[in-house]
Structure formats: structure tokens, C-alpha cells
Amino acid sequence: MMEIIATDDPGRTKERLLLLLKTRGPLSTKALARMLGVSVPATRTHLKSLGTLVSAVSEPGGVGRPAQSWRLTHEAQGRFPDSHSDLTVRILESVERSLGQAGIDAVIADRYRAMEQDYLRAVEGVRTLSGRLKRLVRLRSEEGYMAALEKTDDGWLLIENHCPICAAATACQGFCRNELDLFRAVLGAQASVERVEYLLEGGRRCAYSVIPGIRVAGNGP
């Protein structure tokens, strides 16, 4: 069932539009109108007012004209939180100039150890895999990742609709490698965790497949 988000505030409606396209991916005007609880013409007006933040794409839909849907442009990503991206990238560049790649690796490893300790404390006492996943989603959402959890036929899909450290991760993908290791450490040996969508490889988001079962030793990223 589609969520309806009714509002009479034009500015808030536009922000809701951006959020829906961020978290749901491409959507038609009609679908957006239903979710927002406003008319289709009003939705078109709001989309038009967003200018270069959104773009329309046509997709084959069988007989007749191609179906049109809306998606966010790269420019729209700046409307969502990024954890002091410019400063972070400059600090990483300074570390690399001063200490080389070894220095970068040491910074990332130290960050990973601190996060692992924090996350493990947060899930302490939570014994079920589903419970740990829900706690992990809450932690990631609090950090700005707009995380969500979807049930699949064989497990779950852990979704991150936004990356608040995208600039830093683009400059140094060691952050992303550590993210996968972090999830595996938090969920433990009772789950196999694999990245199935990756923002930095052209994906709309990052997503991880979580399948219950004993993880095979040496399971790589």
C-alpha cells in the first residue's frame, strides 16, 4: 500500500517529492500524486518548480506511448546531508600528502575499530538476526544513511538510500570496504552479507543482501 503524505505547504510538498524520489527511485506523476495526497496537475506544478533537481525519463511500457517517470538528478544530491564533505576530503588529502597511503589506511582502520565497538555495544544482548538488523538500520538512519530493511524470499535487503560521507568515500573507497566488514561483524556468523548495489558504481543506492546461515570463512567483499 502506498504511503500518503498530505500537506498544504508548497515548500514542504517539494521536499517530500525529493524524499520520495530519493527513497523510492523513479516514480510516475500519478504515483507521486497518490503518495502526496494531491492532484496530478498540482504534482506536475511542483515537479516543474524543482527545475534541474529532477528529470523525466521515458520507459517502454508495452502498447502506446512510453511511460514517463521522474528521478533525481546528480544536482539534487546536494539537498541531502553530507557530513562536512569538503573538509573531510581536504583532511584526507592532507593525510595522504604527509603520511602517504599508509597514513590513509591507518585513519580508516582506526575509524572502523571505533565504529565496530560502538555498534557492538548497541546490539549487545540482541540475539536474533532480525533484531540486530533492526538495530543496525536505526543506527545507520541516525547517522544520515536513510536506512531501510526489506524482507526478501531468502532473507533481507539492508538499504542505504543516502550516503552522508559520499565525497569521502569517492576519494577513498576504503571507507566502503570497511562498511561491509562492519555489517558482517555486527550481524555475526549467523548471516551472510554481500553488497548487491553500490552507489559509487552507478547504483541509485547502496544495498546489502543478508541471508541467514553460517557464514563461510574467508567470504570476500
N, C-alpha and C. Protein backbone atom coordinates (compact mmCIF):
# COMPACT_ATOMS: atom_id res chain seq x y z
N MET A 1 0.84 -1.19 0.00
CA MET A 1 0.00 0.00 0.00
C MET A 1 0.88 1.24 0.00
N MET A 2 0.56 2.22 -0.85
CA MET A 2 1.36 3.42 -0.96
C MET A 2 1.11 4.36 0.22
N GLU A 3 2.16 4.99 0.69
CA GLU A 3 2.07 5.94 1.77
C GLU A 3 1.54 7.27 1.22
N ILE A 4 0.58 7.87 1.92
CA ILE A 4 0.04 9.17 1.52
C ILE A 4 0.55 10.22 2.48
N ILE A 5 1.18 11.24 1.94
CA ILE A 5 1.77 12.30 2.75
C ILE A 5 1.10 13.60 2.35
N ALA A 6 0.00 13.92 2.99
CA ALA A 6 -0.76 15.12 2.63
C ALA A 6 -0.16 16.35 3.29
N THR A 7 -0.10 17.45 2.55
CA THR A 7 0.40 18.71 3.09
C THR A 7 -0.09 19.85 2.23
N ASP A 8 -0.35 20.99 2.86
CA ASP A 8 -0.79 22.18 2.13
C ASP A 8 0.35 23.16 1.91
N ASP A 9 1.52 22.86 2.42
CA ASP A 9 2.67 23.75 2.31
C ASP A 9 3.44 23.42 1.04
N PRO A 10 3.47 24.33 0.03
CA PRO A 10 4.16 24.04 -1.24
C PRO A 10 5.63 23.69 -1.04
N GLY A 11 6.30 24.42 -0.14
CA GLY A 11 7.71 24.13 0.10
C GLY A 11 7.92 22.76 0.68
N ARG A 12 7.04 22.39 1.62
CA ARG A 12 7.15 21.06 2.23
C ARG A 12 6.80 19.98 1.22
N THR A 13 5.84 20.26 0.34
CA THR A 13 5.48 19.29 -0.68
C THR A 13 6.66 19.00 -1.59
N LYS A 14 7.41 20.03 -1.96
CA LYS A 14 8.57 19.83 -2.83
C LYS A 14 9.64 19.00 -2.11
N GLU A 15 9.82 19.25 -0.81
CA GLU A 15 10.79 18.47 -0.06
C GLU A 15 10.35 17.00 0.03
N ARG A 16 9.03 16.79 0.17
CA ARG A 16 8.51 15.43 0.21
C ARG A 16 8.72 14.74 -1.15
N LEU A 17 8.54 15.48 -2.21
CA LEU A 17 8.79 14.92 -3.55
C LEU A 17 10.22 14.44 -3.67
N LEU A 18 11.15 15.27 -3.25
CA LEU A 18 12.56 14.89 -3.32
C LEU A 18 12.84 13.66 -2.47
N LEU A 19 12.23 13.62 -1.28
CA LEU A 19 12.45 12.48 -0.39
C LEU A 19 11.89 11.19 -0.98
N LEU A 20 10.70 11.27 -1.59
CA LEU A 20 10.10 10.09 -2.21
C LEU A 20 10.97 9.57 -3.34
N LEU A 21 11.46 10.47 -4.18
CA LEU A 21 12.30 10.03 -5.30
C LEU A 21 13.64 9.51 -4.82
N LYS A 22 14.10 10.03 -3.69
CA LYS A 22 15.36 9.56 -3.12
C LYS A 22 15.22 8.15 -2.58
N THR A 23 14.12 7.90 -1.87
CA THR A 23 13.97 6.62 -1.18
C THR A 23 13.25 5.55 -2.01
N ARG A 24 12.44 5.97 -2.98
CA ARG A 24 11.68 5.00 -3.78
C ARG A 24 12.21 4.82 -5.18
N GLY A 25 13.08 5.71 -5.64
CA GLY A 25 13.56 5.62 -7.01
C GLY A 25 12.58 6.26 -7.98
N PRO A 26 12.75 6.04 -9.28
CA PRO A 26 11.88 6.67 -10.28
C PRO A 26 10.41 6.36 -10.04
N LEU A 27 9.57 7.39 -10.13
CA LEU A 27 8.12 7.25 -9.92
C LEU A 27 7.37 8.08 -10.95
N SER A 28 6.19 7.62 -11.32
CA SER A 28 5.37 8.37 -12.26
C SER A 28 4.70 9.54 -11.55
N THR A 29 4.20 10.50 -12.35
CA THR A 29 3.48 11.64 -11.77
C THR A 29 2.26 11.17 -11.00
N LYS A 30 1.56 10.20 -11.55
CA LYS A 30 0.36 9.68 -10.91
C LYS A 30 0.68 9.03 -9.57
N ALA A 31 1.75 8.25 -9.52
CA ALA A 31 2.14 7.59 -8.27
C ALA A 31 2.55 8.62 -7.23
N LEU A 32 3.30 9.63 -7.65
CA LEU A 32 3.71 10.70 -6.73
C LEU A 32 2.49 11.43 -6.19
N ALA A 33 1.52 11.71 -7.04
CA ALA A 33 0.31 12.41 -6.61
C ALA A 33 -0.43 11.61 -5.54
N ARG A 34 -0.53 10.27 -5.74
CA ARG A 34 -1.20 9.42 -4.75
C ARG A 34 -0.46 9.44 -3.42
N MET A 35 0.85 9.35 -3.48
CA MET A 35 1.64 9.32 -2.25
C MET A 35 1.55 10.64 -1.48
N LEU A 36 1.48 11.74 -2.21
CA LEU A 36 1.45 13.06 -1.58
C LEU A 36 0.03 13.47 -1.17
N GLY A 37 -0.97 12.81 -1.74
CA GLY A 37 -2.34 13.18 -1.44
C GLY A 37 -2.78 14.47 -2.11
N VAL A 38 -2.19 14.77 -3.27
CA VAL A 38 -2.56 15.96 -4.03
C VAL A 38 -2.93 15.54 -5.45
N SER A 39 -3.45 16.49 -6.24
CA SER A 39 -3.87 16.17 -7.59
C SER A 39 -2.68 15.98 -8.52
N VAL A 40 -2.92 15.31 -9.63
CA VAL A 40 -1.87 15.12 -10.63
C VAL A 40 -1.40 16.46 -11.20
N PRO A 41 -2.32 17.40 -11.56
CA PRO A 41 -1.86 18.71 -12.05
C PRO A 41 -1.01 19.46 -11.02
N ALA A 42 -1.40 19.37 -9.75
CA ALA A 42 -0.61 20.03 -8.70
C ALA A 42 0.78 19.40 -8.59
N THR A 43 0.83 18.08 -8.73
CA THR A 43 2.12 17.39 -8.68
C THR A 43 3.01 17.82 -9.83
N ARG A 44 2.43 17.95 -11.02
CA ARG A 44 3.20 18.41 -12.18
C ARG A 44 3.78 19.80 -11.92
N THR A 45 2.97 20.66 -11.30
CA THR A 45 3.43 22.02 -11.00
C THR A 45 4.61 21.98 -10.04
N HIS A 46 4.51 21.15 -9.02
CA HIS A 46 5.61 21.03 -8.05
C HIS A 46 6.86 20.47 -8.71
N LEU A 47 6.70 19.48 -9.57
CA LEU A 47 7.85 18.90 -10.26
C LEU A 47 8.53 19.94 -11.15
N LYS A 48 7.71 20.72 -11.84
CA LYS A 48 8.25 21.76 -12.71
C LYS A 48 9.03 22.79 -11.90
N SER A 49 8.54 23.10 -10.70
CA SER A 49 9.21 24.10 -9.86
C SER A 49 10.55 23.61 -9.32
N LEU A 50 10.76 22.30 -9.34
CA LEU A 50 12.04 21.75 -8.86
C LEU A 50 13.16 21.93 -9.88
N GLY A 51 12.80 22.30 -11.10
CA GLY A 51 13.81 22.63 -12.11
C GLY A 51 14.78 21.50 -12.38
N THR A 52 16.08 21.81 -12.24
CA THR A 52 17.13 20.85 -12.58
C THR A 52 17.38 19.79 -11.50
N LEU A 53 16.59 19.81 -10.43
CA LEU A 53 16.75 18.80 -9.38
C LEU A 53 16.13 17.47 -9.77
N VAL A 54 15.21 17.49 -10.76
CA VAL A 54 14.56 16.26 -11.22
C VAL A 54 14.60 16.21 -12.74
N SER A 55 14.48 15.02 -13.26
CA SER A 55 14.41 14.86 -14.72
C SER A 55 13.40 13.78 -15.05
N ALA A 56 12.77 13.92 -16.20
CA ALA A 56 11.77 12.95 -16.65
C ALA A 56 12.45 11.96 -17.60
N VAL A 57 12.11 10.70 -17.44
CA VAL A 57 12.64 9.66 -18.31
C VAL A 57 11.47 8.84 -18.85
N SER A 58 11.60 8.39 -20.06
CA SER A 58 10.57 7.56 -20.68
C SER A 58 11.01 6.11 -20.69
N GLU A 59 10.11 5.24 -20.30
CA GLU A 59 10.43 3.82 -20.25
C GLU A 59 9.39 3.05 -21.06
N PRO A 60 9.82 2.09 -21.87
CA PRO A 60 8.86 1.29 -22.66
C PRO A 60 7.82 0.65 -21.75
N GLY A 61 6.57 0.77 -22.15
CA GLY A 61 5.51 0.21 -21.32
C GLY A 61 4.50 -0.59 -22.10
N GLY A 62 4.94 -1.25 -23.16
CA GLY A 62 4.02 -2.06 -23.96
C GLY A 62 3.40 -1.22 -25.07
N VAL A 63 2.13 -1.44 -25.33
CA VAL A 63 1.44 -0.74 -26.41
C VAL A 63 1.24 0.72 -26.04
N GLY A 64 1.39 1.61 -27.03
CA GLY A 64 1.17 3.02 -26.80
C GLY A 64 2.44 3.77 -26.48
N ARG A 65 2.25 4.98 -25.97
CA ARG A 65 3.40 5.82 -25.67
C ARG A 65 4.20 5.26 -24.49
N PRO A 66 5.53 5.48 -24.48
CA PRO A 66 6.34 5.03 -23.34
C PRO A 66 5.87 5.70 -22.05
N ALA A 67 5.92 4.97 -20.95
CA ALA A 67 5.56 5.53 -19.65
C ALA A 67 6.64 6.50 -19.20
N GLN A 68 6.21 7.59 -18.56
CA GLN A 68 7.16 8.59 -18.08
C GLN A 68 7.28 8.51 -16.57
N SER A 69 8.49 8.58 -16.09
CA SER A 69 8.72 8.61 -14.65
C SER A 69 9.74 9.71 -14.34
N TRP A 70 9.80 10.05 -13.07
CA TRP A 70 10.69 11.12 -12.61
C TRP A 70 11.76 10.56 -11.70
N ARG A 71 12.95 11.12 -11.82
CA ARG A 71 14.04 10.71 -10.95
C ARG A 71 14.87 11.93 -10.57
N LEU A 72 15.68 11.78 -9.52
CA LEU A 72 16.55 12.86 -9.09
C LEU A 72 17.75 12.98 -10.00
N THR A 73 18.23 14.20 -10.19
CA THR A 73 19.48 14.42 -10.92
C THR A 73 20.63 14.43 -9.92
N HIS A 74 21.84 14.44 -10.42
CA HIS A 74 23.01 14.49 -9.55
C HIS A 74 22.99 15.77 -8.71
N GLU A 75 22.50 16.85 -9.28
CA GLU A 75 22.44 18.13 -8.58
C GLU A 75 21.59 18.03 -7.31
N ALA A 76 20.57 17.19 -7.34
CA ALA A 76 19.66 17.07 -6.20
C ALA A 76 20.32 16.44 -4.99
N GLN A 77 21.40 15.70 -5.20
CA GLN A 77 22.04 15.03 -4.06
C GLN A 77 22.54 16.04 -3.03
N GLY A 78 22.82 17.27 -3.47
CA GLY A 78 23.27 18.30 -2.55
C GLY A 78 22.21 18.75 -1.58
N ARG A 79 20.95 18.36 -1.81
CA ARG A 79 19.87 18.72 -0.90
C ARG A 79 19.79 17.79 0.30
N PHE A 80 20.59 16.73 0.27
CA PHE A 80 20.58 15.77 1.36
C PHE A 80 21.90 15.89 2.13
N PRO A 81 21.88 15.54 3.42
CA PRO A 81 23.06 15.80 4.26
C PRO A 81 24.31 15.06 3.81
N ASP A 82 25.41 15.75 3.80
CA ASP A 82 26.73 15.17 3.54
C ASP A 82 27.63 15.64 4.66
N SER A 83 28.22 14.71 5.38
CA SER A 83 28.94 15.03 6.61
C SER A 83 30.21 15.84 6.34
N HIS A 84 30.04 17.17 6.20
CA HIS A 84 31.17 18.08 6.03
C HIS A 84 32.11 17.57 4.94
N SER A 85 31.55 17.33 3.76
CA SER A 85 32.27 16.64 2.69
C SER A 85 33.56 17.33 2.30
N ASP A 86 33.53 18.64 2.07
CA ASP A 86 34.74 19.34 1.62
C ASP A 86 35.85 19.24 2.64
N LEU A 87 35.50 19.46 3.91
CA LEU A 87 36.51 19.40 4.96
C LEU A 87 37.09 17.99 5.07
N THR A 88 36.23 16.99 5.01
CA THR A 88 36.69 15.60 5.12
C THR A 88 37.66 15.24 4.00
N VAL A 89 37.32 15.62 2.78
CA VAL A 89 38.18 15.31 1.65
C VAL A 89 39.52 16.03 1.78
N ARG A 90 39.50 17.28 2.21
CA ARG A 90 40.76 18.02 2.38
C ARG A 90 41.64 17.40 3.45
N ILE A 91 41.02 16.94 4.53
CA ILE A 91 41.81 16.29 5.58
C ILE A 91 42.44 15.01 5.06
N LEU A 92 41.66 14.22 4.29
CA LEU A 92 42.21 13.01 3.70
C LEU A 92 43.38 13.32 2.76
N GLU A 93 43.24 14.37 1.98
CA GLU A 93 44.32 14.76 1.07
C GLU A 93 45.56 15.18 1.85
N SER A 94 45.36 15.89 2.96
CA SER A 94 46.49 16.31 3.79
C SER A 94 47.19 15.11 4.42
N VAL A 95 46.40 14.15 4.89
CA VAL A 95 46.98 12.94 5.47
C VAL A 95 47.80 12.19 4.44
N GLU A 96 47.25 12.09 3.23
CA GLU A 96 47.97 11.37 2.17
C GLU A 96 49.26 12.07 1.80
N ARG A 97 49.24 13.40 1.72
CA ARG A 97 50.47 14.14 1.39
C ARG A 97 51.51 13.97 2.48
N SER A 98 51.07 13.96 3.73
CA SER A 98 52.00 13.91 4.85
C SER A 98 52.48 12.50 5.17
N LEU A 99 51.56 11.54 5.10
CA LEU A 99 51.87 10.20 5.58
C LEU A 99 51.74 9.11 4.52
N GLY A 100 51.28 9.50 3.32
CA GLY A 100 51.14 8.52 2.25
C GLY A 100 49.93 7.62 2.44
N GLN A 101 49.84 6.59 1.60
CA GLN A 101 48.71 5.67 1.65
C GLN A 101 48.63 4.95 2.99
N ALA A 102 49.78 4.69 3.59
CA ALA A 102 49.80 4.01 4.89
C ALA A 102 49.06 4.85 5.93
N GLY A 103 49.21 6.17 5.83
CA GLY A 103 48.52 7.05 6.76
C GLY A 103 47.02 7.00 6.57
N ILE A 104 46.60 7.01 5.30
CA ILE A 104 45.16 6.90 4.99
C ILE A 104 44.61 5.59 5.54
N ASP A 105 45.33 4.50 5.30
CA ASP A 105 44.87 3.19 5.77
C ASP A 105 44.74 3.17 7.29
N ALA A 106 45.68 3.83 7.97
CA ALA A 106 45.65 3.86 9.44
C ALA A 106 44.44 4.65 9.95
N VAL A 107 44.12 5.76 9.28
CA VAL A 107 42.96 6.57 9.67
C VAL A 107 41.68 5.77 9.50
N ILE A 108 41.55 5.10 8.35
CA ILE A 108 40.34 4.33 8.08
C ILE A 108 40.21 3.15 9.05
N ALA A 109 41.33 2.49 9.34
CA ALA A 109 41.30 1.36 10.26
C ALA A 109 40.89 1.81 11.67
N ASP A 110 41.40 2.96 12.08
CA ASP A 110 41.06 3.49 13.41
C ASP A 110 39.57 3.83 13.48
N ARG A 111 39.04 4.45 12.41
CA ARG A 111 37.61 4.78 12.36
C ARG A 111 36.77 3.51 12.42
N TYR A 112 37.20 2.48 11.69
CA TYR A 112 36.47 1.22 11.68
C TYR A 112 36.44 0.59 13.07
N ARG A 113 37.57 0.57 13.76
CA ARG A 113 37.62 -0.04 15.09
C ARG A 113 36.67 0.67 16.05
N ALA A 114 36.66 2.01 15.99
CA ALA A 114 35.79 2.78 16.87
C ALA A 114 34.32 2.51 16.57
N MET A 115 33.96 2.47 15.28
CA MET A 115 32.57 2.21 14.91
C MET A 115 32.16 0.80 15.29
N GLU A 116 33.06 -0.15 15.09
CA GLU A 116 32.75 -1.55 15.43
C GLU A 116 32.43 -1.67 16.92
N GLN A 117 33.22 -1.03 17.75
CA GLN A 117 32.98 -1.08 19.19
C GLN A 117 31.65 -0.45 19.54
N ASP A 118 31.35 0.71 18.94
CA ASP A 118 30.08 1.40 19.21
C ASP A 118 28.89 0.54 18.78
N TYR A 119 28.99 -0.04 17.57
CA TYR A 119 27.88 -0.84 17.04
C TYR A 119 27.68 -2.12 17.86
N LEU A 120 28.77 -2.76 18.23
CA LEU A 120 28.65 -3.99 19.00
C LEU A 120 28.03 -3.71 20.37
N ARG A 121 28.36 -2.57 20.97
CA ARG A 121 27.71 -2.20 22.23
C ARG A 121 26.21 -1.98 22.02
N ALA A 122 25.87 -1.39 20.87
CA ALA A 122 24.46 -1.08 20.59
C ALA A 122 23.62 -2.35 20.40
N VAL A 123 24.22 -3.43 19.91
CA VAL A 123 23.46 -4.67 19.69
C VAL A 123 23.70 -5.70 20.78
N GLU A 124 24.42 -5.31 21.82
CA GLU A 124 24.70 -6.25 22.91
C GLU A 124 23.39 -6.74 23.52
N GLY A 125 23.27 -8.04 23.67
CA GLY A 125 22.06 -8.61 24.24
C GLY A 125 20.98 -8.92 23.22
N VAL A 126 21.13 -8.44 21.98
CA VAL A 126 20.16 -8.73 20.92
C VAL A 126 20.62 -10.01 20.23
N ARG A 127 19.89 -11.09 20.41
CA ARG A 127 20.37 -12.38 19.96
C ARG A 127 19.84 -12.79 18.59
N THR A 128 18.70 -12.28 18.18
CA THR A 128 18.15 -12.69 16.89
C THR A 128 18.73 -11.85 15.76
N LEU A 129 18.83 -12.46 14.58
CA LEU A 129 19.35 -11.75 13.42
C LEU A 129 18.42 -10.59 13.04
N SER A 130 17.12 -10.83 13.07
CA SER A 130 16.18 -9.76 12.71
C SER A 130 16.28 -8.59 13.69
N GLY A 131 16.47 -8.91 14.97
CA GLY A 131 16.62 -7.85 15.97
C GLY A 131 17.88 -7.03 15.74
N ARG A 132 18.97 -7.69 15.41
CA ARG A 132 20.22 -6.97 15.13
C ARG A 132 20.11 -6.12 13.87
N LEU A 133 19.42 -6.64 12.87
CA LEU A 133 19.22 -5.88 11.65
C LEU A 133 18.42 -4.61 11.92
N LYS A 134 17.36 -4.72 12.68
CA LYS A 134 16.55 -3.56 13.00
C LYS A 134 17.35 -2.53 13.80
N ARG A 135 18.16 -3.00 14.71
CA ARG A 135 19.01 -2.08 15.48
C ARG A 135 20.04 -1.42 14.57
N LEU A 136 20.59 -2.18 13.63
CA LEU A 136 21.57 -1.64 12.69
C LEU A 136 20.93 -0.58 11.80
N VAL A 137 19.72 -0.83 11.33
CA VAL A 137 19.01 0.14 10.49
C VAL A 137 18.80 1.44 11.27
N ARG A 138 18.44 1.32 12.54
CA ARG A 138 18.23 2.52 13.36
C ARG A 138 19.53 3.31 13.52
N LEU A 139 20.62 2.59 13.78
CA LEU A 139 21.91 3.26 13.93
C LEU A 139 22.31 4.00 12.66
N ARG A 140 22.17 3.33 11.52
CA ARG A 140 22.56 3.94 10.25
C ARG A 140 21.67 5.13 9.90
N SER A 141 20.38 5.03 10.22
CA SER A 141 19.48 6.15 9.95
C SER A 141 19.84 7.35 10.81
N GLU A 142 20.20 7.10 12.05
CA GLU A 142 20.62 8.20 12.93
C GLU A 142 21.86 8.89 12.41
N GLU A 143 22.68 8.17 11.64
CA GLU A 143 23.91 8.74 11.09
C GLU A 143 23.69 9.38 9.71
N GLY A 144 22.46 9.36 9.22
CA GLY A 144 22.15 10.05 7.97
C GLY A 144 22.10 9.19 6.73
N TYR A 145 22.11 7.87 6.89
CA TYR A 145 22.13 6.98 5.72
C TYR A 145 20.73 6.67 5.17
N MET A 146 19.69 7.16 5.83
CA MET A 146 18.31 6.91 5.38
C MET A 146 18.12 5.41 5.14
N ALA A 147 18.46 4.63 6.14
CA ALA A 147 18.47 3.18 6.01
C ALA A 147 17.07 2.58 6.09
N ALA A 148 16.90 1.45 5.46
CA ALA A 148 15.62 0.73 5.47
C ALA A 148 15.90 -0.76 5.35
N LEU A 149 14.92 -1.55 5.73
CA LEU A 149 15.05 -3.00 5.69
C LEU A 149 13.87 -3.59 4.94
N GLU A 150 14.15 -4.45 3.97
CA GLU A 150 13.10 -5.11 3.21
C GLU A 150 13.26 -6.62 3.32
N LYS A 151 12.15 -7.31 3.52
CA LYS A 151 12.18 -8.78 3.57
C LYS A 151 12.25 -9.33 2.15
N THR A 152 13.08 -10.33 1.94
CA THR A 152 13.19 -11.00 0.65
C THR A 152 12.83 -12.47 0.82
N ASP A 153 12.83 -13.21 -0.28
CA ASP A 153 12.46 -14.62 -0.21
C ASP A 153 13.41 -15.44 0.66
N ASP A 154 14.70 -15.06 0.64
CA ASP A 154 15.68 -15.85 1.38
C ASP A 154 16.34 -15.10 2.54
N GLY A 155 15.87 -13.89 2.84
CA GLY A 155 16.46 -13.14 3.94
C GLY A 155 15.96 -11.71 3.97
N TRP A 156 16.91 -10.76 3.93
CA TRP A 156 16.56 -9.35 3.98
C TRP A 156 17.44 -8.56 3.01
N LEU A 157 16.99 -7.36 2.69
CA LEU A 157 17.78 -6.40 1.95
C LEU A 157 17.96 -5.18 2.84
N LEU A 158 19.20 -4.92 3.21
CA LEU A 158 19.54 -3.74 4.00
C LEU A 158 19.88 -2.62 3.03
N ILE A 159 19.09 -1.55 3.05
CA ILE A 159 19.19 -0.49 2.05
C ILE A 159 19.68 0.79 2.69
N GLU A 160 20.60 1.47 2.02
CA GLU A 160 21.01 2.81 2.41
C GLU A 160 20.68 3.75 1.25
N ASN A 161 19.62 4.54 1.44
CA ASN A 161 19.15 5.42 0.38
C ASN A 161 20.01 6.66 0.21
N HIS A 162 20.88 6.93 1.17
CA HIS A 162 21.73 8.10 1.08
C HIS A 162 23.07 7.79 1.72
N CYS A 163 24.12 8.43 1.21
CA CYS A 163 25.45 8.27 1.81
C CYS A 163 25.94 9.64 2.28
N PRO A 164 25.94 9.89 3.59
CA PRO A 164 26.37 11.19 4.09
C PRO A 164 27.88 11.41 4.02
N ILE A 165 28.63 10.36 3.66
CA ILE A 165 30.08 10.52 3.50
C ILE A 165 30.49 10.22 2.06
N CYS A 166 29.59 10.50 1.13
CA CYS A 166 29.83 10.10 -0.27
C CYS A 166 31.10 10.71 -0.83
N ALA A 167 31.35 11.98 -0.53
CA ALA A 167 32.54 12.64 -1.06
C ALA A 167 33.81 11.97 -0.54
N ALA A 168 33.81 11.65 0.75
CA ALA A 168 34.98 10.98 1.34
C ALA A 168 35.12 9.58 0.77
N ALA A 169 34.01 8.87 0.60
CA ALA A 169 34.06 7.52 0.06
C ALA A 169 34.52 7.51 -1.39
N THR A 170 34.14 8.55 -2.14
CA THR A 170 34.60 8.66 -3.53
C THR A 170 36.09 8.87 -3.58
N ALA A 171 36.60 9.70 -2.66
CA ALA A 171 38.04 9.98 -2.61
C ALA A 171 38.82 8.78 -2.10
N CYS A 172 38.20 8.00 -1.24
CA CYS A 172 38.90 6.85 -0.64
C CYS A 172 37.91 5.72 -0.41
N GLN A 173 37.92 4.72 -1.28
CA GLN A 173 36.92 3.67 -1.21
C GLN A 173 37.18 2.65 -0.11
N GLY A 174 38.25 2.88 0.65
CA GLY A 174 38.48 2.04 1.83
C GLY A 174 37.34 2.17 2.83
N PHE A 175 36.68 3.33 2.84
CA PHE A 175 35.52 3.50 3.71
C PHE A 175 34.44 2.47 3.39
N CYS A 176 34.24 2.23 2.09
CA CYS A 176 33.19 1.30 1.66
C CYS A 176 33.56 -0.15 1.99
N ARG A 177 34.82 -0.50 1.83
CA ARG A 177 35.24 -1.86 2.17
C ARG A 177 35.02 -2.11 3.66
N ASN A 178 35.31 -1.12 4.48
CA ASN A 178 35.13 -1.27 5.91
C ASN A 178 33.66 -1.35 6.30
N GLU A 179 32.79 -0.70 5.51
CA GLU A 179 31.36 -0.75 5.80
C GLU A 179 30.85 -2.18 5.73
N LEU A 180 31.24 -2.91 4.70
CA LEU A 180 30.82 -4.30 4.55
C LEU A 180 31.36 -5.14 5.71
N ASP A 181 32.62 -4.93 6.09
CA ASP A 181 33.20 -5.66 7.22
C ASP A 181 32.46 -5.33 8.51
N LEU A 182 32.05 -4.06 8.65
CA LEU A 182 31.34 -3.63 9.85
C LEU A 182 30.01 -4.36 9.99
N PHE A 183 29.26 -4.45 8.90
CA PHE A 183 27.97 -5.12 8.95
C PHE A 183 28.15 -6.60 9.28
N ARG A 184 29.17 -7.21 8.72
CA ARG A 184 29.42 -8.62 9.00
C ARG A 184 29.77 -8.84 10.46
N ALA A 185 30.53 -7.91 11.03
CA ALA A 185 30.90 -8.04 12.44
C ALA A 185 29.69 -7.88 13.35
N VAL A 186 28.81 -6.94 13.02
CA VAL A 186 27.63 -6.68 13.85
C VAL A 186 26.63 -7.82 13.77
N LEU A 187 26.43 -8.36 12.58
CA LEU A 187 25.43 -9.42 12.41
C LEU A 187 25.97 -10.79 12.79
N GLY A 188 27.29 -10.93 12.83
CA GLY A 188 27.90 -12.15 13.31
C GLY A 188 27.86 -13.30 12.32
N ALA A 189 28.23 -14.48 12.82
CA ALA A 189 28.35 -15.66 11.97
C ALA A 189 27.00 -16.24 11.57
N GLN A 190 25.92 -15.67 12.10
CA GLN A 190 24.60 -16.21 11.78
C GLN A 190 24.05 -15.67 10.47
N ALA A 191 24.86 -14.89 9.73
CA ALA A 191 24.35 -14.32 8.48
C ALA A 191 25.46 -14.17 7.45
N SER A 192 25.08 -14.31 6.19
CA SER A 192 25.96 -14.00 5.07
C SER A 192 25.55 -12.63 4.54
N VAL A 193 26.52 -11.71 4.42
CA VAL A 193 26.23 -10.34 4.00
C VAL A 193 27.04 -10.02 2.74
N GLU A 194 26.35 -9.58 1.69
CA GLU A 194 27.01 -9.22 0.44
C GLU A 194 26.43 -7.91 -0.09
N ARG A 195 27.29 -7.06 -0.64
CA ARG A 195 26.81 -5.84 -1.27
C ARG A 195 26.25 -6.18 -2.65
N VAL A 196 25.02 -5.76 -2.93
CA VAL A 196 24.38 -6.07 -4.21
C VAL A 196 24.08 -4.81 -5.03
N GLU A 197 24.12 -3.64 -4.42
CA GLU A 197 24.00 -2.38 -5.13
C GLU A 197 25.03 -1.42 -4.54
N TYR A 198 25.64 -0.61 -5.42
CA TYR A 198 26.76 0.22 -4.96
C TYR A 198 26.67 1.59 -5.61
N LEU A 199 26.50 2.60 -4.79
CA LEU A 199 26.34 3.97 -5.27
C LEU A 199 27.52 4.41 -6.14
N LEU A 200 28.72 4.05 -5.73
CA LEU A 200 29.91 4.52 -6.43
C LEU A 200 30.18 3.77 -7.73
N GLU A 201 29.36 2.78 -8.02
CA GLU A 201 29.46 2.07 -9.31
C GLU A 201 28.22 2.31 -10.16
N GLY A 202 27.57 3.45 -9.92
CA GLY A 202 26.43 3.83 -10.73
C GLY A 202 25.07 3.43 -10.19
N GLY A 203 25.05 2.80 -9.03
CA GLY A 203 23.77 2.42 -8.44
C GLY A 203 23.04 3.63 -7.88
N ARG A 204 21.73 3.49 -7.70
CA ARG A 204 20.95 4.57 -7.12
C ARG A 204 21.18 4.68 -5.62
N ARG A 205 21.66 3.59 -5.02
CA ARG A 205 21.83 3.50 -3.58
C ARG A 205 22.83 2.39 -3.29
N CYS A 206 23.13 2.19 -2.02
CA CYS A 206 23.88 1.01 -1.61
C CYS A 206 22.90 0.04 -0.95
N ALA A 207 23.05 -1.23 -1.25
CA ALA A 207 22.16 -2.23 -0.66
C ALA A 207 22.94 -3.51 -0.41
N TYR A 208 22.55 -4.20 0.66
CA TYR A 208 23.25 -5.41 1.08
C TYR A 208 22.26 -6.55 1.26
N SER A 209 22.59 -7.68 0.67
CA SER A 209 21.79 -8.88 0.86
C SER A 209 22.23 -9.57 2.15
N VAL A 210 21.27 -9.85 3.01
CA VAL A 210 21.55 -10.52 4.28
C VAL A 210 20.77 -11.83 4.30
N ILE A 211 21.50 -12.94 4.31
CA ILE A 211 20.87 -14.26 4.26
C ILE A 211 21.24 -15.03 5.52
N PRO A 212 20.26 -15.53 6.24
CA PRO A 212 20.56 -16.31 7.45
C PRO A 212 21.36 -17.56 7.13
N GLY A 213 22.22 -17.93 8.04
CA GLY A 213 23.02 -19.13 7.84
C GLY A 213 24.45 -18.87 8.27
N ILE A 214 25.20 -19.92 8.43
CA ILE A 214 26.59 -19.80 8.84
C ILE A 214 27.42 -19.21 7.74
N ARG A 215 28.13 -18.14 8.03
CA ARG A 215 28.97 -17.50 7.01
C ARG A 215 30.22 -18.34 6.77
N VAL A 216 30.56 -18.50 5.51
CA VAL A 216 31.74 -19.27 5.13
C VAL A 216 32.99 -18.46 5.45
N ALA A 217 33.97 -19.06 6.11
CA ALA A 217 35.20 -18.37 6.44
C ALA A 217 35.89 -17.86 5.19
N GLY A 218 36.37 -16.63 5.25
CA GLY A 218 37.07 -16.06 4.11
C GLY A 218 36.15 -15.49 3.05
N ASN A 219 34.87 -15.35 3.36
CA ASN A 219 33.89 -14.79 2.42
C ASN A 219 34.29 -13.36 2.08
N GLY A 220 34.66 -13.10 0.86
CA GLY A 220 35.22 -11.80 0.49
C GLY A 220 34.17 -10.78 0.22
N PRO A 221 34.56 -9.47 -0.03
CA PRO A 221 33.63 -8.40 -0.29
C PRO A 221 32.97 -8.57 -1.64
